[in-house]
Amino acid sequence: MVSACGGQQDDDVQNMTDRESYIIAKALYEFIRLEQWKPINERRLSDERDAKAILHARFDNELALLAQSDEAAGREPPDCEGSRR
Protein backbone atom coordinates (compact mmCIF):
# COMPACT_ATOMS: atom_id res chain seq x y z
CA MET A 1 0.00 0.00 0.00
CA VAL A 2 1.39 3.41 -0.98
CA SER A 3 0.72 6.39 1.27
CA ALA A 4 -0.53 9.68 -0.11
CA CYS A 5 2.14 11.70 1.69
CA GLY A 6 5.44 10.25 0.63
CA GLY A 7 4.92 7.18 -1.47
CA GLN A 8 6.37 4.87 1.18
CA GLN A 9 4.83 1.51 1.88
CA ASP A 10 3.51 0.46 5.28
CA ASP A 11 6.29 -2.14 5.40
CA ASP A 12 8.87 0.65 5.41
CA VAL A 13 8.06 1.75 8.97
CA GLN A 14 11.23 0.01 10.15
CA ASN A 15 13.23 2.25 7.80
CA MET A 16 12.06 5.45 9.45
CA THR A 17 14.57 7.57 11.28
CA ASP A 18 14.10 8.16 15.00
CA ARG A 19 13.13 11.74 14.21
CA GLU A 20 10.49 10.66 11.69
CA SER A 21 9.02 8.20 14.18
CA TYR A 22 8.92 10.89 16.87
CA ILE A 23 7.20 13.44 14.60
CA ILE A 24 4.52 10.95 13.51
CA ALA A 25 3.96 9.78 17.10
CA LYS A 26 3.72 13.39 18.28
CA ALA A 27 1.14 14.21 15.61
CA LEU A 28 -1.01 11.22 16.61
CA TYR A 29 -0.59 12.06 20.31
CA GLU A 30 -1.65 15.68 19.82
CA PHE A 31 -4.58 14.57 17.63
CA ILE A 32 -5.78 12.35 20.50
CA ARG A 33 -5.36 15.24 22.95
CA LEU A 34 -7.37 17.56 20.68
CA GLU A 35 -10.18 15.05 20.24
CA GLN A 36 -10.38 14.46 24.00
CA TRP A 37 -10.81 18.20 24.65
CA LYS A 38 -13.93 18.26 22.48
CA PRO A 39 -17.43 17.53 23.77
CA ILE A 40 -18.23 13.85 23.22
CA ASN A 41 -20.77 14.59 20.48
CA GLU A 42 -18.08 16.44 18.46
CA ARG A 43 -15.34 13.84 18.83
CA ARG A 44 -14.30 11.57 15.98
CA LEU A 45 -14.24 8.47 18.16
CA SER A 46 -13.28 5.98 15.45
CA ASP A 47 -10.36 8.19 14.36
CA GLU A 48 -9.27 8.61 17.97
CA ARG A 49 -9.46 4.85 18.53
CA ASP A 50 -7.42 4.19 15.37
CA ALA A 51 -4.81 6.80 16.37
CA LYS A 52 -4.41 5.07 19.74
CA ALA A 53 -4.04 1.68 18.06
CA ILE A 54 -1.40 3.00 15.65
CA LEU A 55 0.54 4.64 18.50
CA HIS A 56 0.68 1.37 20.42
CA ALA A 57 1.38 -0.82 17.40
CA ARG A 58 4.15 1.26 15.86
CA PHE A 59 5.27 4.00 18.23
CA ASP A 60 5.01 2.61 21.79
CA ASN A 61 8.48 3.88 22.79
CA GLU A 62 7.75 7.37 21.50
CA LEU A 63 4.37 7.34 23.25
CA ALA A 64 6.08 6.65 26.58
CA LEU A 65 8.48 9.56 26.03
CA LEU A 66 5.66 11.94 25.09
CA ALA A 67 3.64 11.02 28.20
CA GLN A 68 6.73 11.42 30.42
CA SER A 69 7.42 14.82 28.87
CA ASP A 70 3.85 15.97 29.56
CA GLU A 71 4.06 14.78 33.16
CA ALA A 72 7.44 16.47 33.70
CA ALA A 73 5.96 19.73 32.39
CA GLY A 74 2.97 19.43 34.73
CA ARG A 75 0.50 18.63 31.92
CA GLU A 76 -2.00 15.80 31.99
CA PRO A 77 -1.22 13.37 29.16
CA PRO A 78 -4.17 12.40 26.96
CA ASP A 79 -5.75 9.02 27.60
CA CYS A 80 -4.00 6.82 25.04
CA GLU A 81 -5.07 3.50 26.56
CA GLY A 82 -7.83 1.14 25.64
CA SER A 83 -7.49 0.67 21.89
CA ARG A 84 -4.71 -1.73 21.04
CA ARG A 85 -4.80 -3.86 17.90
PDB file of N, CA and C in Angstrom:
ATOM      1  N   MET A   1       0.842  -1.173   0.000  1.00  0.00           N
ATOM      2  CA  MET A   1       0.000   0.000   0.000  1.00  0.00           C
ATOM      3  C   MET A   1       0.889   1.238   0.000  1.00  0.00           C
ATOM      4  N   VAL A   2       0.609   2.189  -0.866  1.00  0.00           N
ATOM      5  CA  VAL A   2       1.393   3.405  -0.978  1.00  0.00           C
ATOM      6  C   VAL A   2       0.647   4.523  -0.270  1.00  0.00           C
ATOM      7  N   SER A   3       1.370   5.290   0.555  1.00  0.00           N
ATOM      8  CA  SER A   3       0.719   6.387   1.267  1.00  0.00           C
ATOM      9  C   SER A   3       0.612   7.608   0.371  1.00  0.00           C
ATOM     10  N   ALA A   4      -0.326   8.469   0.684  1.00  0.00           N
ATOM     11  CA  ALA A   4      -0.534   9.683  -0.110  1.00  0.00           C
ATOM     12  C   ALA A   4       0.538  10.717   0.165  1.00  0.00           C
ATOM     13  N   CYS A   5       1.191  10.648   1.319  1.00  0.00           N
ATOM     14  CA  CYS A   5       2.138  11.696   1.694  1.00  0.00           C
ATOM     15  C   CYS A   5       3.507  11.536   1.053  1.00  0.00           C
ATOM     16  N   GLY A   6       4.072  10.363   1.090  1.00  0.00           N
ATOM     17  CA  GLY A   6       5.436  10.253   0.631  1.00  0.00           C
ATOM     18  C   GLY A   6       5.706   9.090  -0.283  1.00  0.00           C
ATOM     19  N   GLY A   7       4.713   8.309  -0.586  1.00  0.00           N
ATOM     20  CA  GLY A   7       4.918   7.185  -1.475  1.00  0.00           C
ATOM     21  C   GLY A   7       5.570   5.989  -0.811  1.00  0.00           C
ATOM     22  N   GLN A   8       5.756   6.009   0.510  1.00  0.00           N
ATOM     23  CA  GLN A   8       6.366   4.874   1.182  1.00  0.00           C
ATOM     24  C   GLN A   8       5.317   3.829   1.497  1.00  0.00           C
ATOM     25  N   GLN A   9       5.738   2.603   1.546  1.00  0.00           N
ATOM     26  CA  GLN A   9       4.828   1.513   1.878  1.00  0.00           C
ATOM     27  C   GLN A   9       4.765   1.327   3.381  1.00  0.00           C
ATOM     28  N   ASP A  10       3.654   0.734   3.851  1.00  0.00           N
ATOM     29  CA  ASP A  10       3.505   0.460   5.278  1.00  0.00           C
ATOM     30  C   ASP A  10       4.657  -0.393   5.803  1.00  0.00           C
ATOM     31  N   ASP A  11       5.193  -1.262   4.979  1.00  0.00           N
ATOM     32  CA  ASP A  11       6.288  -2.138   5.396  1.00  0.00           C
ATOM     33  C   ASP A  11       7.575  -1.372   5.669  1.00  0.00           C
ATOM     34  N   ASP A  12       7.647  -0.135   5.255  1.00  0.00           N
ATOM     35  CA  ASP A  12       8.869   0.650   5.413  1.00  0.00           C
ATOM     36  C   ASP A  12       8.950   1.380   6.751  1.00  0.00           C
ATOM     37  N   VAL A  13       8.038   1.087   7.671  1.00  0.00           N
ATOM     38  CA  VAL A  13       8.060   1.749   8.973  1.00  0.00           C
ATOM     39  C   VAL A  13       9.394   1.513   9.669  1.00  0.00           C
ATOM     40  N   GLN A  14       9.954   0.316   9.518  1.00  0.00           N
ATOM     41  CA  GLN A  14      11.234   0.015  10.153  1.00  0.00           C
ATOM     42  C   GLN A  14      12.354   0.900   9.617  1.00  0.00           C
ATOM     43  N   ASN A  15      12.201   1.435   8.421  1.00  0.00           N
ATOM     44  CA  ASN A  15      13.229   2.249   7.805  1.00  0.00           C
ATOM     45  C   ASN A  15      13.137   3.728   8.189  1.00  0.00           C
ATOM     46  N   MET A  16      12.184   4.068   9.020  1.00  0.00           N
ATOM     47  CA  MET A  16      12.059   5.455   9.453  1.00  0.00           C
ATOM     48  C   MET A  16      13.196   5.829  10.385  1.00  0.00           C
ATOM     49  N   THR A  17      13.586   7.083  10.325  1.00  0.00           N
ATOM     50  CA  THR A  17      14.571   7.568  11.282  1.00  0.00           C
ATOM     51  C   THR A  17      13.886   7.769  12.626  1.00  0.00           C
ATOM     52  N   ASP A  18      14.669   7.891  13.676  1.00  0.00           N
ATOM     53  CA  ASP A  18      14.101   8.156  14.996  1.00  0.00           C
ATOM     54  C   ASP A  18      13.310   9.460  14.988  1.00  0.00           C
ATOM     55  N   ARG A  19      13.810  10.442  14.284  1.00  0.00           N
ATOM     56  CA  ARG A  19      13.132  11.742  14.215  1.00  0.00           C
ATOM     57  C   ARG A  19      11.785  11.610  13.498  1.00  0.00           C
ATOM     58  N   GLU A  20      11.750  10.872  12.403  1.00  0.00           N
ATOM     59  CA  GLU A  20      10.493  10.664  11.686  1.00  0.00           C
ATOM     60  C   GLU A  20       9.472   9.943  12.567  1.00  0.00           C
ATOM     61  N   SER A  21       9.915   8.934  13.285  1.00  0.00           N
ATOM     62  CA  SER A  21       9.022   8.203  14.185  1.00  0.00           C
ATOM     63  C   SER A  21       8.476   9.126  15.262  1.00  0.00           C
ATOM     64  N   TYR A  22       9.345   9.963  15.820  1.00  0.00           N
ATOM     65  CA  TYR A  22       8.922  10.889  16.866  1.00  0.00           C
ATOM     66  C   TYR A  22       7.887  11.882  16.340  1.00  0.00           C
ATOM     67  N   ILE A  23       8.122  12.442  15.167  1.00  0.00           N
ATOM     68  CA  ILE A  23       7.198  13.442  14.596  1.00  0.00           C
ATOM     69  C   ILE A  23       5.826  12.817  14.329  1.00  0.00           C
ATOM     70  N   ILE A  24       5.794  11.617  13.782  1.00  0.00           N
ATOM     71  CA  ILE A  24       4.520  10.945  13.505  1.00  0.00           C
ATOM     72  C   ILE A  24       3.807  10.615  14.817  1.00  0.00           C
ATOM     73  N   ALA A  25       4.554  10.094  15.799  1.00  0.00           N
ATOM     74  CA  ALA A  25       3.957   9.777  17.097  1.00  0.00           C
ATOM     75  C   ALA A  25       3.415  11.039  17.759  1.00  0.00           C
ATOM     76  N   LYS A  26       4.157  12.124  17.691  1.00  0.00           N
ATOM     77  CA  LYS A  26       3.722  13.395  18.285  1.00  0.00           C
ATOM     78  C   LYS A  26       2.439  13.897  17.625  1.00  0.00           C
ATOM     79  N   ALA A  27       2.345  13.780  16.315  1.00  0.00           N
ATOM     80  CA  ALA A  27       1.137  14.215  15.610  1.00  0.00           C
ATOM     81  C   ALA A  27      -0.073  13.384  16.049  1.00  0.00           C
ATOM     82  N   LEU A  28       0.083  12.082  16.154  1.00  0.00           N
ATOM     83  CA  LEU A  28      -1.006  11.221  16.610  1.00  0.00           C
ATOM     84  C   LEU A  28      -1.394  11.546  18.056  1.00  0.00           C
ATOM     85  N   TYR A  29      -0.391  11.741  18.900  1.00  0.00           N
ATOM     86  CA  TYR A  29      -0.592  12.056  20.313  1.00  0.00           C
ATOM     87  C   TYR A  29      -1.373  13.355  20.472  1.00  0.00           C
ATOM     88  N   GLU A  30      -0.971  14.383  19.727  1.00  0.00           N
ATOM     89  CA  GLU A  30      -1.652  15.677  19.815  1.00  0.00           C
ATOM     90  C   GLU A  30      -3.059  15.609  19.209  1.00  0.00           C
ATOM     91  N   PHE A  31      -3.245  14.782  18.181  1.00  0.00           N
ATOM     92  CA  PHE A  31      -4.583  14.567  17.635  1.00  0.00           C
ATOM     93  C   PHE A  31      -5.496  13.971  18.709  1.00  0.00           C
ATOM     94  N   ILE A  32      -4.999  12.981  19.432  1.00  0.00           N
ATOM     95  CA  ILE A  32      -5.779  12.355  20.498  1.00  0.00           C
ATOM     96  C   ILE A  32      -6.118  13.387  21.572  1.00  0.00           C
ATOM     97  N   ARG A  33      -5.128  14.192  21.949  1.00  0.00           N
ATOM     98  CA  ARG A  33      -5.363  15.243  22.954  1.00  0.00           C
ATOM     99  C   ARG A  33      -6.470  16.195  22.480  1.00  0.00           C
ATOM    100  N   LEU A  34      -6.383  16.634  21.244  1.00  0.00           N
ATOM    101  CA  LEU A  34      -7.368  17.561  20.685  1.00  0.00           C
ATOM    102  C   LEU A  34      -8.766  16.950  20.689  1.00  0.00           C
ATOM    103  N   GLU A  35      -8.874  15.709  20.260  1.00  0.00           N
ATOM    104  CA  GLU A  35     -10.176  15.046  20.242  1.00  0.00           C
ATOM    105  C   GLU A  35     -10.748  14.926  21.651  1.00  0.00           C
ATOM    106  N   GLN A  36      -9.901  14.646  22.636  1.00  0.00           N
ATOM    107  CA  GLN A  36     -10.385  14.463  24.003  1.00  0.00           C
ATOM    108  C   GLN A  36     -10.795  15.776  24.665  1.00  0.00           C
ATOM    109  N   TRP A  37     -10.368  16.900  24.142  1.00  0.00           N
ATOM    110  CA  TRP A  37     -10.805  18.204  24.649  1.00  0.00           C
ATOM    111  C   TRP A  37     -12.200  18.558  24.154  1.00  0.00           C
ATOM    112  N   LYS A  38     -12.630  17.938  23.073  1.00  0.00           N
ATOM    113  CA  LYS A  38     -13.932  18.257  22.481  1.00  0.00           C
ATOM    114  C   LYS A  38     -15.069  17.615  23.270  1.00  0.00           C
ATOM    115  N   PRO A  39     -16.253  18.215  23.199  1.00  0.00           N
ATOM    116  CA  PRO A  39     -17.426  17.526  23.769  1.00  0.00           C
ATOM    117  C   PRO A  39     -17.611  16.188  23.049  1.00  0.00           C
ATOM    118  N   ILE A  40     -18.127  15.213  23.756  1.00  0.00           N
ATOM    119  CA  ILE A  40     -18.232  13.852  23.220  1.00  0.00           C
ATOM    120  C   ILE A  40     -18.981  13.798  21.893  1.00  0.00           C
ATOM    121  N   ASN A  41     -19.997  14.637  21.723  1.00  0.00           N
ATOM    122  CA  ASN A  41     -20.771  14.590  20.479  1.00  0.00           C
ATOM    123  C   ASN A  41     -20.019  15.198  19.294  1.00  0.00           C
ATOM    124  N   GLU A  42     -18.891  15.864  19.541  1.00  0.00           N
ATOM    125  CA  GLU A  42     -18.084  16.439  18.458  1.00  0.00           C
ATOM    126  C   GLU A  42     -16.827  15.617  18.165  1.00  0.00           C
ATOM    127  N   ARG A  43     -16.562  14.634  19.001  1.00  0.00           N
ATOM    128  CA  ARG A  43     -15.339  13.840  18.830  1.00  0.00           C
ATOM    129  C   ARG A  43     -15.481  12.844  17.693  1.00  0.00           C
ATOM    130  N   ARG A  44     -14.368  12.601  17.019  1.00  0.00           N
ATOM    131  CA  ARG A  44     -14.302  11.566  15.985  1.00  0.00           C
ATOM    132  C   ARG A  44     -13.753  10.308  16.652  1.00  0.00           C
ATOM    133  N   LEU A  45     -14.647   9.581  17.305  1.00  0.00           N
ATOM    134  CA  LEU A  45     -14.237   8.470  18.156  1.00  0.00           C
ATOM    135  C   LEU A  45     -13.516   7.363  17.399  1.00  0.00           C
ATOM    136  N   SER A  46     -13.951   7.054  16.196  1.00  0.00           N
ATOM    137  CA  SER A  46     -13.276   5.981  15.453  1.00  0.00           C
ATOM    138  C   SER A  46     -11.865   6.419  15.047  1.00  0.00           C
ATOM    139  N   ASP A  47     -11.694   7.687  14.690  1.00  0.00           N
ATOM    140  CA  ASP A  47     -10.357   8.186  14.356  1.00  0.00           C
ATOM    141  C   ASP A  47      -9.460   8.201  15.591  1.00  0.00           C
ATOM    142  N   GLU A  48     -10.026   8.604  16.718  1.00  0.00           N
ATOM    143  CA  GLU A  48      -9.269   8.613  17.975  1.00  0.00           C
ATOM    144  C   GLU A  48      -8.839   7.195  18.346  1.00  0.00           C
ATOM    145  N   ARG A  49      -9.764   6.246  18.228  1.00  0.00           N
ATOM    146  CA  ARG A  49      -9.464   4.846  18.531  1.00  0.00           C
ATOM    147  C   ARG A  49      -8.354   4.315  17.617  1.00  0.00           C
ATOM    148  N   ASP A  50      -8.445   4.637  16.324  1.00  0.00           N
ATOM    149  CA  ASP A  50      -7.418   4.191  15.374  1.00  0.00           C
ATOM    150  C   ASP A  50      -6.067   4.834  15.670  1.00  0.00           C
ATOM    151  N   ALA A  51      -6.068   6.113  16.037  1.00  0.00           N
ATOM    152  CA  ALA A  51      -4.808   6.797  16.369  1.00  0.00           C
ATOM    153  C   ALA A  51      -4.147   6.133  17.576  1.00  0.00           C
ATOM    154  N   LYS A  52      -4.946   5.766  18.570  1.00  0.00           N
ATOM    155  CA  LYS A  52      -4.411   5.067  19.743  1.00  0.00           C
ATOM    156  C   LYS A  52      -3.805   3.719  19.339  1.00  0.00           C
ATOM    157  N   ALA A  53      -4.518   2.995  18.496  1.00  0.00           N
ATOM    158  CA  ALA A  53      -4.036   1.678  18.065  1.00  0.00           C
ATOM    159  C   ALA A  53      -2.725   1.799  17.291  1.00  0.00           C
ATOM    160  N   ILE A  54      -2.631   2.781  16.421  1.00  0.00           N
ATOM    161  CA  ILE A  54      -1.396   2.996  15.649  1.00  0.00           C
ATOM    162  C   ILE A  54      -0.255   3.363  16.579  1.00  0.00           C
ATOM    163  N   LEU A  55      -0.505   4.264  17.538  1.00  0.00           N
ATOM    164  CA  LEU A  55       0.540   4.635  18.501  1.00  0.00           C
ATOM    165  C   LEU A  55       1.102   3.412  19.202  1.00  0.00           C
ATOM    166  N   HIS A  56       0.217   2.545  19.681  1.00  0.00           N
ATOM    167  CA  HIS A  56       0.677   1.367  20.421  1.00  0.00           C
ATOM    168  C   HIS A  56       1.340   0.343  19.505  1.00  0.00           C
ATOM    169  N   ALA A  57       0.827   0.189  18.302  1.00  0.00           N
ATOM    170  CA  ALA A  57       1.376  -0.822  17.396  1.00  0.00           C
ATOM    171  C   ALA A  57       2.740  -0.438  16.838  1.00  0.00           C
ATOM    172  N   ARG A  58       2.941   0.856  16.575  1.00  0.00           N
ATOM    173  CA  ARG A  58       4.148   1.257  15.857  1.00  0.00           C
ATOM    174  C   ARG A  58       5.045   2.233  16.598  1.00  0.00           C
ATOM    175  N   PHE A  59       4.506   2.913  17.602  1.00  0.00           N
ATOM    176  CA  PHE A  59       5.266   3.998  18.232  1.00  0.00           C
ATOM    177  C   PHE A  59       5.169   3.943  19.753  1.00  0.00           C
ATOM    178  N   ASP A  60       5.169   2.756  20.338  1.00  0.00           N
ATOM    179  CA  ASP A  60       5.009   2.613  21.787  1.00  0.00           C
ATOM    180  C   ASP A  60       6.127   3.318  22.562  1.00  0.00           C
ATOM    181  N   ASN A  61       7.364   3.219  22.098  1.00  0.00           N
ATOM    182  CA  ASN A  61       8.481   3.876  22.791  1.00  0.00           C
ATOM    183  C   ASN A  61       8.328   5.389  22.773  1.00  0.00           C
ATOM    184  N   GLU A  62       7.945   5.932  21.619  1.00  0.00           N
ATOM    185  CA  GLU A  62       7.751   7.371  21.498  1.00  0.00           C
ATOM    186  C   GLU A  62       6.578   7.837  22.364  1.00  0.00           C
ATOM    187  N   LEU A  63       5.529   7.021  22.426  1.00  0.00           N
ATOM    188  CA  LEU A  63       4.374   7.338  23.255  1.00  0.00           C
ATOM    189  C   LEU A  63       4.792   7.480  24.714  1.00  0.00           C
ATOM    190  N   ALA A  64       5.610   6.578  25.194  1.00  0.00           N
ATOM    191  CA  ALA A  64       6.083   6.648  26.580  1.00  0.00           C
ATOM    192  C   ALA A  64       6.856   7.942  26.820  1.00  0.00           C
ATOM    193  N   LEU A  65       7.706   8.316  25.888  1.00  0.00           N
ATOM    194  CA  LEU A  65       8.478   9.559  26.028  1.00  0.00           C
ATOM    195  C   LEU A  65       7.578  10.791  26.034  1.00  0.00           C
ATOM    196  N   LEU A  66       6.576  10.804  25.163  1.00  0.00           N
ATOM    197  CA  LEU A  66       5.657  11.937  25.095  1.00  0.00           C
ATOM    198  C   LEU A  66       4.866  12.081  26.393  1.00  0.00           C
ATOM    199  N   ALA A  67       4.395  10.979  26.939  1.00  0.00           N
ATOM    200  CA  ALA A  67       3.639  11.017  28.196  1.00  0.00           C
ATOM    201  C   ALA A  67       4.542  11.479  29.341  1.00  0.00           C
ATOM    202  N   GLN A  68       5.779  10.995  29.390  1.00  0.00           N
ATOM    203  CA  GLN A  68       6.727  11.418  30.421  1.00  0.00           C
ATOM    204  C   GLN A  68       7.021  12.906  30.308  1.00  0.00           C
ATOM    205  N   SER A  69       7.152  13.398  29.100  1.00  0.00           N
ATOM    206  CA  SER A  69       7.418  14.819  28.868  1.00  0.00           C
ATOM    207  C   SER A  69       6.253  15.670  29.360  1.00  0.00           C
ATOM    208  N   ASP A  70       5.034  15.256  29.067  1.00  0.00           N
ATOM    209  CA  ASP A  70       3.851  15.969  29.562  1.00  0.00           C
ATOM    210  C   ASP A  70       3.851  16.010  31.088  1.00  0.00           C
ATOM    211  N   GLU A  71       4.072  14.860  31.705  1.00  0.00           N
ATOM    212  CA  GLU A  71       4.056  14.782  33.161  1.00  0.00           C
ATOM    213  C   GLU A  71       5.144  15.650  33.780  1.00  0.00           C
ATOM    214  N   ALA A  72       6.337  15.652  33.191  1.00  0.00           N
ATOM    215  CA  ALA A  72       7.436  16.470  33.696  1.00  0.00           C
ATOM    216  C   ALA A  72       7.122  17.960  33.591  1.00  0.00           C
ATOM    217  N   ALA A  73       6.334  18.328  32.589  1.00  0.00           N
ATOM    218  CA  ALA A  73       5.958  19.732  32.391  1.00  0.00           C
ATOM    219  C   ALA A  73       4.706  20.104  33.174  1.00  0.00           C
ATOM    220  N   GLY A  74       4.159  19.162  33.937  1.00  0.00           N
ATOM    221  CA  GLY A  74       2.966  19.427  34.730  1.00  0.00           C
ATOM    222  C   GLY A  74       1.666  19.381  33.942  1.00  0.00           C
ATOM    223  N   ARG A  75       1.710  18.785  32.742  1.00  0.00           N
ATOM    224  CA  ARG A  75       0.505  18.633  31.920  1.00  0.00           C
ATOM    225  C   ARG A  75      -0.038  17.223  32.073  1.00  0.00           C
ATOM    226  N   GLU A  76      -1.339  17.113  31.970  1.00  0.00           N
ATOM    227  CA  GLU A  76      -1.996  15.802  31.993  1.00  0.00           C
ATOM    228  C   GLU A  76      -1.896  15.187  30.595  1.00  0.00           C
ATOM    229  N   PRO A  77      -1.268  14.020  30.470  1.00  0.00           N
ATOM    230  CA  PRO A  77      -1.223  13.369  29.155  1.00  0.00           C
ATOM    231  C   PRO A  77      -2.630  12.956  28.711  1.00  0.00           C
ATOM    232  N   PRO A  78      -2.877  12.917  27.411  1.00  0.00           N
ATOM    233  CA  PRO A  78      -4.170  12.403  26.960  1.00  0.00           C
ATOM    234  C   PRO A  78      -4.284  10.918  27.288  1.00  0.00           C
ATOM    235  N   ASP A  79      -5.508  10.440  27.343  1.00  0.00           N
ATOM    236  CA  ASP A  79      -5.750   9.021  27.600  1.00  0.00           C
ATOM    237  C   ASP A  79      -5.497   8.251  26.299  1.00  0.00           C
ATOM    238  N   CYS A  80      -4.369   7.571  26.245  1.00  0.00           N
ATOM    239  CA  CYS A  80      -3.995   6.819  25.044  1.00  0.00           C
ATOM    240  C   CYS A  80      -4.156   5.322  25.241  1.00  0.00           C
ATOM    241  N   GLU A  81      -4.855   4.922  26.280  1.00  0.00           N
ATOM    242  CA  GLU A  81      -5.068   3.499  26.559  1.00  0.00           C
ATOM    243  C   GLU A  81      -6.383   3.020  25.973  1.00  0.00           C
ATOM    244  N   GLY A  82      -6.529   1.718  25.937  1.00  0.00           N
ATOM    245  CA  GLY A  82      -7.826   1.141  25.638  1.00  0.00           C
ATOM    246  C   GLY A  82      -8.079   0.707  24.222  1.00  0.00           C
ATOM    247  N   SER A  83      -7.197   1.027  23.282  1.00  0.00           N
ATOM    248  CA  SER A  83      -7.485   0.667  21.888  1.00  0.00           C
ATOM    249  C   SER A  83      -6.247   0.100  21.223  1.00  0.00           C
ATOM    250  N   ARG A  84      -5.872  -1.074  21.649  1.00  0.00           N
ATOM    251  CA  ARG A  84      -4.714  -1.733  21.040  1.00  0.00           C
ATOM    252  C   ARG A  84      -5.197  -2.743  20.028  1.00  0.00           C
ATOM    253  N   ARG A  85      -4.455  -2.861  18.937  1.00  0.00           N
ATOM    254  CA  ARG A  85      -4.796  -3.862  17.904  1.00  0.00           C
ATOM    255  C   ARG A  85      -4.123  -5.155  18.179  1.00  0.00           C
TER     256      ARG A  85
END
